[in-house]
Protein backbone atom coordinates (compact mmCIF):
# COMPACT_ATOMS: atom_id res chain seq x y z
CA MET A 1 0.00 0.00 0.00
CA ASP A 2 1.52 3.31 -1.11
CA CYS A 3 2.16 6.19 1.25
CA ALA A 4 -0.35 9.05 0.93
CA TYR A 5 2.45 11.62 1.05
CA LYS A 6 3.01 13.01 -2.43
CA ASP A 7 6.17 11.67 -4.07
CA CYS A 8 7.11 9.63 -1.01
CA GLN A 9 10.76 8.60 -1.31
CA PHE A 10 10.40 5.69 1.11
CA THR A 11 8.36 3.39 -1.15
CA SER A 12 10.96 0.63 -1.28
CA GLY A 13 12.13 -1.61 1.54
CA ASN A 14 10.29 -3.04 4.50
CA ILE A 15 8.90 0.23 5.84
CA SER A 16 5.67 -0.22 7.76
CA LYS A 17 2.53 1.62 6.71
CA TYR A 18 0.29 3.31 9.29
CA SER A 19 -3.38 4.16 9.04
CA TYR A 20 -4.36 7.78 9.51
CA GLY A 21 -8.02 8.45 8.93
CA SER A 22 -8.86 7.01 5.53
CA LYS A 23 -5.24 7.17 4.33
CA HIS A 24 -2.07 5.26 4.92
CA TYR A 25 1.40 6.71 5.52
CA CYS A 26 4.88 5.37 5.86
CA LEU A 27 6.74 5.61 9.17
CA PHE A 28 8.54 8.79 8.13
CA HIS A 29 5.51 10.72 6.80
CA LEU A 30 2.88 9.71 9.32
CA PRO A 31 1.32 13.02 10.52
CA TYR A 32 1.87 14.21 14.06
CA GLU A 33 -1.58 15.45 15.07
CA ALA A 34 -3.68 12.94 17.01
CA LYS A 35 -6.76 11.58 15.26
CA GLU A 36 -9.25 8.83 16.05
CA ASP A 37 -10.42 6.30 13.51
CA GLU A 38 -13.94 4.92 13.24
CA LYS A 39 -13.23 2.44 16.06
CA GLY A 40 -11.94 5.13 18.42
CA ASN A 41 -8.30 4.11 18.06
CA LYS A 42 -5.91 7.05 18.33
CA GLN A 43 -3.58 7.63 15.41
CA GLY A 44 -0.72 9.99 14.69
CA LYS A 45 2.76 10.39 16.15
CA ALA A 46 1.43 12.61 18.94
CA THR A 47 -0.06 9.45 20.49
CA TRP A 48 3.24 7.58 20.55
CA ASP A 49 4.87 6.72 23.84
CA ASP A 50 8.57 7.25 24.59
CA GLY A 51 9.46 3.77 23.38
CA GLU A 52 7.88 4.30 19.97
CA LYS A 53 9.58 7.67 19.62
CA SER A 54 12.92 6.11 20.51
CA ASP A 55 12.38 3.35 17.95
CA PHE A 56 11.69 5.99 15.31
CA LYS A 57 15.01 7.69 16.07
CA GLU A 58 16.86 4.42 15.74
CA THR A 59 15.15 3.79 12.39
CA VAL A 60 16.24 7.20 11.10
CA TYR A 61 19.82 6.72 12.30
CA ALA A 62 19.92 3.28 10.68
CA ASP A 63 18.70 4.86 7.45
CA PHE A 64 21.50 7.44 7.76
CA GLN A 65 24.04 4.65 7.98
CA SER A 66 22.64 2.76 5.01
CA LYS A 67 22.66 5.86 2.83
CA GLN A 68 26.27 6.56 3.80
CA LYS A 69 27.22 3.25 2.18
CA LEU A 70 25.09 3.57 -0.94
CA HIS A 71 26.93 5.18 -3.83
CA GLY A 72 25.34 8.31 -5.27
CA GLU A 73 22.22 8.34 -3.08
CA ASN A 74 21.55 11.65 -1.34
CA PHE A 75 20.07 12.03 2.13
CA ASN A 76 16.50 12.89 1.20
CA TYR A 77 14.13 13.20 4.17
CA THR A 78 11.64 15.59 2.58
CA GLY A 79 8.39 15.78 4.54
CA THR A 80 9.58 13.65 7.46
CA ILE A 81 7.78 14.22 10.77
CA PHE A 82 10.08 14.07 13.79
CA PRO A 83 7.85 13.62 16.88
CA SER A 84 10.43 14.27 19.62
CA ASN A 85 13.89 15.65 20.31
CA PHE A 86 16.35 14.75 17.60
CA MET A 87 20.11 15.10 17.18
CA LEU A 88 21.74 15.50 13.77
CA ILE A 89 25.14 13.89 13.41
CA HIS A 90 27.84 14.59 10.81
CA LEU A 91 25.88 14.43 7.59
CA PRO A 92 26.98 13.34 5.10
CA ALA A 93 30.36 11.79 5.76
CA GLU A 94 33.41 13.72 4.61
CA GLY A 95 34.21 13.09 0.96
CA SER A 96 30.90 11.37 0.17
CA LYS A 97 29.72 14.25 -2.05
CA LYS A 98 26.10 13.75 -0.99
CA ASN A 99 23.57 16.47 -0.31
CA ALA A 100 21.09 16.35 2.58
CA VAL A 101 17.47 17.45 2.12
CA PHE A 102 15.06 18.08 5.00
CA LYS A 103 12.57 20.16 3.03
CA ASP A 104 9.05 20.50 4.53
CA CYS A 105 10.04 18.55 7.63
CA HIS A 106 8.45 19.14 11.04
CA PHE A 107 10.55 18.89 14.18
CA HIS A 108 8.15 18.68 17.13
CA GLY A 109 10.97 18.44 19.67
CA ASP A 110 14.30 20.20 20.06
CA LEU A 111 16.68 19.76 17.14
CA GLU A 112 20.34 19.59 18.17
CA THR A 113 23.51 19.26 16.11
CA ASP A 114 26.25 18.69 18.73
CA HIS A 115 29.22 20.04 16.71
CA ALA A 116 27.96 18.38 13.52
CA ILE A 117 29.82 19.10 10.29
CA PHE A 118 27.78 19.31 7.08
CA TYR A 119 30.26 18.77 4.26
CA GLU A 120 27.88 19.22 1.32
CA ASP A 121 24.76 21.26 0.57
CA VAL A 122 21.96 21.02 3.14
CA SER A 123 18.37 22.13 2.65
CA PHE A 124 15.99 23.02 5.48
CA GLU A 125 13.58 24.84 3.17
CA SER A 126 10.04 25.29 4.48
CA VAL A 127 10.90 23.36 7.63
CA THR A 128 8.94 24.05 10.82
CA PHE A 129 10.85 23.90 14.08
CA HIS A 130 8.09 23.66 16.68
CA LYS A 131 10.48 23.97 19.61
CA ARG A 132 14.13 24.96 19.82
CA ALA A 133 16.48 24.75 16.84
CA LEU A 134 19.92 24.27 18.36
CA PHE A 135 22.52 24.42 15.60
CA ARG A 136 25.14 25.50 18.12
CA ASN A 137 28.74 24.76 17.04
CA ALA A 138 27.62 23.25 13.74
CA THR A 139 29.70 23.89 10.64
CA PHE A 140 28.31 24.16 7.12
CA SER A 141 31.25 23.69 4.77
CA SER A 142 29.09 24.13 1.68
CA GLY A 143 25.72 25.81 1.16
CA VAL A 144 22.73 25.68 3.49
CA SER A 145 19.21 26.94 2.85
CA PHE A 146 16.53 27.86 5.38
CA LYS A 147 14.21 29.44 2.80
CA GLY A 148 10.71 29.76 4.20
CA ALA A 149 11.63 27.98 7.44
CA THR A 150 9.61 28.74 10.57
CA PHE A 151 11.32 28.84 13.95
CA ILE A 152 8.56 28.76 16.57
CA GLY A 153 10.99 28.35 19.47
CA ASP A 154 14.41 29.89 20.07
CA ALA A 155 17.02 29.42 17.35
CA ASP A 156 20.68 29.21 18.33
CA PHE A 157 23.33 29.18 15.58
CA SER A 158 26.14 30.37 17.84
CA ILE A 159 29.66 29.04 18.13
CA ASP A 160 31.28 28.77 21.55
CA HIS A 161 34.12 31.23 21.95
CA LEU A 162 36.71 28.60 22.94
CA PHE A 163 35.55 26.34 20.12
CA SER A 164 35.90 29.13 17.57
CA LYS A 165 39.40 30.05 18.79
CA LYS A 166 40.52 26.42 18.73
CA TYR A 167 39.58 26.10 15.06
CA ASP A 168 40.64 29.63 14.12
CA TYR A 169 37.03 30.76 13.68
CA ARG A 170 36.25 27.83 11.43
CA CYS A 171 33.71 28.58 8.73
CA PHE A 172 30.23 28.17 10.14
CA PHE A 173 28.30 29.48 7.16
CA ASN A 174 29.74 29.30 3.66
CA ASP A 175 26.65 30.20 1.63
CA VAL A 176 23.49 30.58 3.69
CA ASP A 177 19.99 31.60 2.69
CA PHE A 178 17.35 32.64 5.24
CA THR A 179 15.03 34.18 2.63
CA ARG A 180 11.48 34.51 4.02
CA ALA A 181 12.42 32.62 7.17
CA ASP A 182 10.33 33.47 10.23
CA PHE A 183 11.96 33.64 13.67
CA LYS A 184 9.10 33.82 16.17
CA GLN A 185 11.43 34.02 19.17
CA LYS A 186 15.07 34.92 19.83
CA ALA A 187 17.81 34.04 17.33
CA TRP A 188 21.50 33.88 18.27
CA PHE A 189 24.43 34.05 15.83
CA ASN A 190 27.25 34.68 18.31
CA TYR A 191 30.79 34.19 16.94
CA CYS A 192 29.40 33.03 13.58
CA ARG A 193 31.45 33.67 10.49
CA PHE A 194 29.59 34.35 7.25
CA VAL A 195 32.12 33.66 4.52
CA ASN A 196 30.27 34.06 1.22
CA GLU A 197 26.73 35.01 0.24
CA THR A 198 24.38 35.54 3.17
CA CYS A 199 20.69 36.27 2.55
CA PHE A 200 18.18 37.54 5.10
CA ILE A 201 15.85 38.79 2.37
CA GLU A 202 12.27 39.25 3.65
CA THR A 203 13.24 37.44 6.85
CA THR A 204 11.05 38.14 9.88
CA PHE A 205 12.55 38.48 13.35
CA GLY A 206 10.07 38.39 16.22
CA LYS A 207 12.80 39.63 18.57
CA ALA A 208 16.06 41.44 17.94
CA PRO A 209 18.69 38.90 16.75
CA ASP A 210 22.03 38.67 18.55
CA PHE A 211 25.11 38.79 16.27
CA ALA A 212 27.69 39.38 19.01
CA ASN A 213 31.25 38.84 17.70
CA ALA A 214 29.93 37.63 14.34
CA VAL A 215 32.03 38.22 11.23
CA PHE A 216 30.32 39.39 8.04
CA ASN A 217 31.50 39.89 4.50
CA GLU A 218 30.15 42.29 1.90
CA ASP A 219 27.79 39.71 0.34
CA ILE A 220 25.09 40.10 2.98
CA ARG A 221 21.54 41.18 2.15
CA PHE A 222 18.69 42.40 4.36
CA GLU A 223 16.26 43.66 1.71
CA GLY A 224 12.70 43.49 3.01
CA ALA A 225 13.73 42.05 6.38
CA LYS A 226 11.27 42.78 9.18
CA PHE A 227 12.26 43.39 12.79
CA ASN A 228 8.98 43.34 14.68
CA SER A 229 10.28 44.05 18.16
CA ALA A 230 11.62 47.39 19.36
CA GLU A 231 11.90 47.21 23.14
CA PHE A 232 14.39 49.45 24.93
CA GLU A 233 16.43 46.41 26.06
CA GLU A 234 16.97 45.45 22.41
CA ALA A 235 18.67 48.70 21.40
CA PRO A 236 22.22 47.27 21.91
CA TYR A 237 21.51 44.44 19.43
CA TYR A 238 20.53 46.89 16.69
CA ARG A 239 23.43 49.20 17.60
CA LEU A 240 25.80 46.26 17.19
CA LEU A 241 24.38 45.44 13.75
CA GLU A 242 24.62 49.11 12.80
CA LYS A 243 28.33 49.05 13.70
CA LYS A 244 29.00 45.84 11.79
CA MET A 245 27.25 47.13 8.67
CA ASP A 246 29.41 50.24 8.86
CA GLU A 247 32.55 48.08 9.05
CA ILE A 248 31.75 46.35 5.75
CA GLY A 249 30.50 49.52 4.06
CA ALA A 250 26.85 48.46 3.90
CA LEU A 251 25.48 51.95 4.55
CA LYS A 252 21.94 51.11 3.46
CA TYR A 253 21.67 48.39 6.09
CA LYS A 254 23.43 50.60 8.61
CA ALA A 255 20.57 53.08 8.20
CA ILE A 256 18.03 50.30 8.80
CA PHE A 257 19.56 49.32 12.13
CA PHE A 258 20.06 52.94 13.16
CA ALA A 259 16.32 53.44 12.67
CA LYS A 260 15.51 50.34 14.72
CA GLU A 261 17.81 51.53 17.51
CA GLN A 262 15.96 54.85 17.61
CA ASP A 263 12.63 53.01 17.76
CA CYS A 264 13.93 51.16 20.81
CA MET A 265 15.22 54.29 22.52
CA ILE A 266 11.78 55.89 22.41
CA HIS A 267 10.64 53.26 24.92
CA PHE A 268 13.22 54.40 27.50
CA LYS A 269 11.05 55.58 30.39
CA LYS A 270 13.60 58.12 31.64
CA MET A 271 14.18 59.78 28.27
CA PRO A 272 13.27 63.51 28.32
CA LEU A 273 9.97 64.32 26.70
CA THR A 274 11.61 66.80 24.33
CA GLN A 275 13.98 64.11 23.05
CA ILE A 276 11.13 61.66 22.61
CA LEU A 277 9.18 64.28 20.68
CA ALA A 278 12.18 65.18 18.49
CA THR A 279 12.82 61.50 17.73
CA PHE A 280 9.17 60.92 16.88
CA ILE A 281 9.10 63.92 14.52
CA TYR A 282 12.34 62.78 12.89
CA ARG A 283 10.75 59.40 12.32
CA ILE A 284 7.46 60.52 10.76
CA ALA A 285 9.07 63.36 8.79
CA SER A 286 11.84 61.43 7.04
CA ASP A 287 12.01 57.89 8.49
CA TYR A 288 15.20 58.83 10.35
CA GLY A 289 16.73 60.35 7.24
CA ARG A 290 16.17 57.27 5.06
CA SER A 291 13.38 58.71 2.89
CA PHE A 292 13.50 61.91 0.82
CA LEU A 293 9.90 61.41 -0.34
CA GLN A 294 8.41 61.72 3.15
CA PRO A 295 9.66 65.29 3.80
CA LEU A 296 8.63 66.24 0.26
CA LEU A 297 5.10 64.95 0.82
CA TRP A 298 4.89 66.64 4.23
CA PHE A 299 6.10 69.86 2.57
CA LEU A 300 3.18 69.79 0.13
CA VAL A 301 0.71 68.93 2.89
CA PHE A 302 1.84 71.82 5.08
CA GLN A 303 1.74 74.32 2.18
CA GLY A 304 -1.91 73.44 1.66
CA LEU A 305 -2.56 73.76 5.40
CA PHE A 306 -0.90 77.16 5.70
CA TYR A 307 -2.65 78.42 2.58
CA TYR A 308 -5.95 77.60 4.29
CA LEU A 309 -4.85 79.31 7.52
CA TYR A 310 -3.74 82.49 5.71
CA ASP A 311 -7.00 82.58 3.84
CA PHE A 312 -8.99 81.91 7.03
CA PHE A 313 -7.38 84.71 9.05
CA ARG A 314 -7.41 87.21 6.20
CA PRO A 315 -10.91 87.01 4.68
CA PRO A 316 -10.92 90.56 3.23
CA LEU A 317 -7.83 89.97 1.14
CA ALA A 318 -7.86 88.72 -2.40
CA LYS A 319 -6.72 85.21 -3.28
CA ALA A 320 -3.64 86.62 -4.95
CA ASP A 321 -2.51 88.18 -1.64
CA THR A 322 -2.81 84.81 0.09
CA VAL A 323 -0.72 83.10 -2.60
CA THR A 324 1.87 85.88 -2.39
CA MET A 325 2.09 85.47 1.38
CA LEU A 326 2.53 81.72 1.04
CA VAL A 327 5.30 82.01 -1.55
CA MET A 328 7.04 84.79 0.38
CA HIS A 329 7.32 82.62 3.50
CA ILE A 330 8.85 79.80 1.46
CA PHE A 331 11.59 81.84 -0.24
CA ARG A 332 12.01 84.69 2.29
CA PRO A 333 11.41 83.26 5.78
CA PHE A 334 10.45 85.75 8.51
CA SER A 335 10.73 88.65 6.01
CA PHE A 336 7.11 89.68 6.72
CA LEU A 337 8.20 90.83 10.19
CA GLY A 338 10.04 93.77 8.63
CA LEU A 339 7.39 94.93 6.19
CA PRO A 340 6.33 98.62 6.28
CA GLU A 341 3.63 99.60 8.74
CA MET A 342 1.34 100.90 6.03
CA TYR A 343 1.14 97.40 4.57
CA THR A 344 0.93 95.43 7.79
CA PHE A 345 -1.45 97.44 9.89
CA ARG A 346 -4.43 95.45 8.69
CA TRP A 347 -2.94 92.02 9.49
CA PRO A 348 -4.17 90.34 12.66
CA MET A 349 -1.70 88.89 15.14
CA GLU A 350 -2.66 85.36 14.08
CA ILE A 351 -0.99 85.97 10.72
CA TYR A 352 2.36 86.60 12.39
CA VAL A 353 2.05 83.45 14.51
CA VAL A 354 1.11 81.33 11.50
CA GLY A 355 3.94 82.89 9.49
CA VAL A 356 6.56 82.02 12.11
CA PHE A 357 5.46 78.38 12.24
CA HIS A 358 5.22 78.29 8.45
CA SER A 359 8.83 79.42 8.04
CA ILE A 360 10.18 77.06 10.71
CA ILE A 361 8.35 73.97 9.43
CA THR A 362 9.08 74.71 5.78
CA TYR A 363 12.82 75.04 6.25
CA ALA A 364 12.98 72.07 8.61
CA LEU A 365 11.38 69.91 5.94
CA VAL A 366 13.64 71.31 3.22
CA THR A 367 16.67 70.53 5.38
CA LEU A 368 15.47 66.96 6.00
CA PHE A 369 14.83 66.55 2.28
CA LEU A 370 18.36 67.66 1.35
CA LEU A 371 19.95 65.48 4.06
CA ALA A 372 17.96 62.47 2.87
CA ILE A 373 19.06 63.10 -0.73
CA ARG A 374 22.68 63.28 0.43
CA ARG A 375 22.36 60.05 2.42
CA THR A 376 20.72 58.30 -0.52
CA PHE A 377 23.64 59.12 -2.81
CA ARG A 378 26.12 58.06 -0.12
CA MET A 379 24.39 54.69 0.26
CA GLN A 380 24.49 54.15 -3.49
């Protein structure tokens, strides 16, 4: 009886088939969620006891060993459901030239590597780690992909300091791809060394990642990455990333982490109100200097607002006088304060107040616009 999993790779051999509802699955692809059949019998790996889970591990390890000996056969565990804690060993063996594929797998317990060395390409694409993903002290000598992976628990990719010194900061990541990965909790990359291309494109971080003592190269990308948390305690993590991006000349990413640091600082309870207000204005006016379109749009909005105010406080005047006043405040700030008495006697005090604010806001926005243009060219 064939496994109901599409394109099941475990069709040969004496692999037992398990009922699950009206379908049948092999040992590797049997779903985790508990379900009762028509007779009330519970099905699914969630119903297994410790002995059954241990037997499953032994089956997987035995399959590892058999594939090590088979010439040309890769380690393909696509769609496998791991019901409990699991430890990955060196995979594949050095010199075997075999890739390892764990695409669409579900790890319902902690995944540990215990100093494992992955000599060839490894794929964890679209994998769901339901608990902790502990890749601590693992080494990926070739490429590794976590595209679309979901880390529900903590994810630790760090290298112990003594371990890294012993092996002269041995390559942890050669080529690594975290495109569209989703880190729900904390992610650690302490002492990691990213040697070649590193992609965090459209990656989501539920909490600020920790890259303490990590080493980057210029082939790192954060386009579209989302950092959803901005607590005050997380400011040092973003400040560290800002510094590291500056070291490799990635000014665009430096600006991203500077902005996140400022978002965190706003939550400091003892920060003066004036500083909080200035930071907030800087954010909405130009996205901390990263956008030249925002101050331009605000400039147009405020010109319309001040036109209305001039017209409101000066109803006897013609429309042309209102336009003249608006243009004058843009190109000659505060000049209306020195106009002859014979021309200003009919202006109410509100006009002077509006004019002062008009000049201040206009030139503040023009300054932010020019600074943003300058920063944009520098980042290019």
